[in-house]
Amino acid sequence: MAEKKRMGGMSLSSFGQTATPKAEPAATPKAKQETEPKAKKTKTTKAAPKAKRKTKAKEKTATLNIQVTRSQQRWLQDTAQDIRDNNAEPVPGPERVYPVHLIQAAIDLLKTQDVSWDEITDIEGLRDKLNI
């Protein structure tokens, strides 16, 4: 049976490999110069350092997937919207309040509570200690 050439004789394993020409034409000295990598030009003067942002040192963030009830989700959305609506002037994006900011504030509030965390064993115990 005669071998059929498909895809120009390429196989699946040859994808991603660079093709090599079968016969290289005689290279002229000018052609060789063009294919050689050019040396990087270095400046003799130093560039000014990039301006640093004037922000507080931020902790790295981590993603936390939580499940809340729909009523809790709506409350978070509505409350964050109410806070945004309290501003007479437009607030820049990084300073706007969103539900995630309310959750972050709630975590900080939990951290400040006078609760003996070693004594908490379940959600009901936590709710009792927090009086909710």
Protein backbone atom coordinates (compact mmCIF):
# COMPACT_ATOMS: atom_id res chain seq x y z
CA MET A 1 0.00 0.00 0.00
CA ALA A 2 1.37 3.37 -0.97
CA GLU A 3 2.07 5.80 1.89
CA LYS A 4 -0.08 8.93 1.68
CA LYS A 5 1.48 12.21 2.63
CA ARG A 6 -0.81 14.29 4.77
CA MET A 7 -0.19 17.73 6.13
CA GLY A 8 3.06 17.96 4.25
CA GLY A 9 4.53 14.92 5.96
CA MET A 10 3.91 16.32 9.45
CA SER A 11 2.82 14.21 12.38
CA LEU A 12 1.02 15.28 15.52
CA SER A 13 4.24 15.26 17.49
CA SER A 14 5.83 17.72 15.11
CA PHE A 15 3.40 20.52 16.01
CA GLY A 16 5.07 23.03 18.26
CA GLN A 17 8.49 22.28 16.83
CA THR A 18 10.12 24.76 14.55
CA ALA A 19 10.41 23.66 10.97
CA THR A 20 13.92 23.18 9.63
CA PRO A 21 14.49 23.80 5.96
CA LYS A 22 15.67 20.78 4.02
CA ALA A 23 18.26 22.61 1.96
CA GLU A 24 19.79 25.87 3.11
CA PRO A 25 20.76 28.33 0.43
CA ALA A 26 24.29 29.62 0.52
CA ALA A 27 24.37 32.43 3.04
CA THR A 28 26.01 35.69 2.16
CA PRO A 29 27.96 37.60 4.80
CA LYS A 30 25.23 40.27 4.85
CA ALA A 31 22.52 37.66 5.49
CA LYS A 32 24.52 36.22 8.39
CA GLN A 33 24.80 39.64 9.98
CA GLU A 34 21.06 40.16 9.85
CA THR A 35 20.27 36.85 11.53
CA GLU A 36 22.73 37.33 14.40
CA PRO A 37 21.20 38.94 17.47
CA LYS A 38 22.05 42.58 17.82
CA ALA A 39 23.85 43.72 20.92
CA LYS A 40 21.67 45.70 23.30
CA LYS A 41 22.47 49.33 23.43
CA THR A 42 23.11 50.55 26.93
CA LYS A 43 22.47 54.07 28.03
CA THR A 44 25.28 55.91 29.69
CA THR A 45 22.88 57.96 31.79
CA LYS A 46 20.74 56.47 34.52
CA ALA A 47 17.01 56.67 34.12
CA ALA A 48 15.08 58.30 36.94
CA PRO A 49 13.64 55.77 39.40
CA LYS A 50 9.97 55.01 39.00
CA ALA A 51 7.69 56.94 41.27
CA LYS A 52 6.44 54.84 44.15
CA ARG A 53 2.81 54.86 45.11
CA LYS A 54 1.98 56.55 48.36
CA THR A 55 -0.09 53.80 49.89
CA LYS A 56 0.08 51.98 53.15
CA ALA A 57 1.77 48.62 53.18
CA LYS A 58 -0.98 46.21 52.21
CA GLU A 59 -1.23 42.60 53.19
CA LYS A 60 -1.52 40.09 50.42
CA THR A 61 -5.09 39.04 49.85
CA ALA A 62 -6.48 35.55 49.72
CA THR A 63 -9.68 34.39 48.09
CA LEU A 64 -12.31 33.00 50.41
CA ASN A 65 -15.40 31.35 49.01
CA ILE A 66 -18.23 31.54 51.49
CA GLN A 67 -21.86 30.61 51.34
CA VAL A 68 -24.44 33.01 52.70
CA THR A 69 -28.21 32.98 52.51
CA ARG A 70 -29.87 35.03 49.80
CA SER A 71 -31.24 37.42 52.39
CA GLN A 72 -27.70 37.94 53.75
CA GLN A 73 -26.39 38.48 50.23
CA ARG A 74 -29.12 41.04 49.49
CA TRP A 75 -28.47 42.78 52.80
CA LEU A 76 -24.75 43.04 51.98
CA GLN A 77 -25.51 44.40 48.50
CA ASP A 78 -28.14 46.87 49.74
CA THR A 79 -26.00 48.10 52.62
CA ALA A 80 -22.95 48.60 50.40
CA GLN A 81 -25.14 50.46 47.88
CA ASP A 82 -26.56 52.66 50.67
CA ILE A 83 -23.01 53.53 51.78
CA ARG A 84 -22.03 54.39 48.20
CA ASP A 85 -25.17 56.52 47.87
CA ASN A 86 -24.19 58.53 50.97
CA ASN A 87 -21.46 60.25 48.94
CA ALA A 88 -22.38 63.55 47.33
CA GLU A 89 -19.37 63.40 44.99
CA PRO A 90 -18.25 60.42 42.89
CA VAL A 91 -15.81 58.19 44.76
CA PRO A 92 -12.80 56.66 42.99
CA GLY A 93 -13.07 52.91 42.39
CA PRO A 94 -10.53 51.72 44.96
CA GLU A 95 -12.29 53.73 47.68
CA ARG A 96 -15.85 52.55 46.99
CA VAL A 97 -17.56 50.23 49.44
CA TYR A 98 -18.64 46.83 48.19
CA PRO A 99 -20.02 43.76 50.04
CA VAL A 100 -16.52 42.32 50.38
CA HIS A 101 -15.52 45.38 52.43
CA LEU A 102 -18.41 44.77 54.81
CA ILE A 103 -17.27 41.17 55.27
CA GLN A 104 -13.68 42.32 55.88
CA ALA A 105 -14.91 44.81 58.49
CA ALA A 106 -17.00 42.06 60.12
CA ILE A 107 -13.89 39.90 60.42
CA ASP A 108 -12.01 42.77 62.05
CA LEU A 109 -14.95 43.29 64.39
CA LEU A 110 -14.90 39.59 65.35
CA LYS A 111 -11.19 39.83 66.08
CA THR A 112 -11.80 42.66 68.57
CA GLN A 113 -14.52 40.83 70.50
CA ASP A 114 -13.78 39.64 74.02
CA VAL A 115 -14.49 35.99 73.27
CA SER A 116 -12.57 33.01 74.58
CA TRP A 117 -12.25 31.18 71.27
CA ASP A 118 -11.05 28.03 73.03
CA GLU A 119 -14.50 27.64 74.60
CA ILE A 120 -16.50 27.92 71.36
CA THR A 121 -17.55 24.51 70.03
CA ASP A 122 -20.39 25.26 67.60
CA ILE A 123 -22.27 28.05 65.84
CA GLU A 124 -24.89 28.28 68.58
CA GLY A 125 -22.18 28.79 71.19
CA LEU A 126 -20.67 31.51 69.03
CA ARG A 127 -24.03 33.23 68.60
CA ASP A 128 -24.64 33.08 72.37
CA LYS A 129 -21.23 34.60 73.15
CA LEU A 130 -21.79 37.38 70.62
CA ASN A 131 -25.39 37.96 71.84
CA ILE A 132 -26.92 37.56 68.38
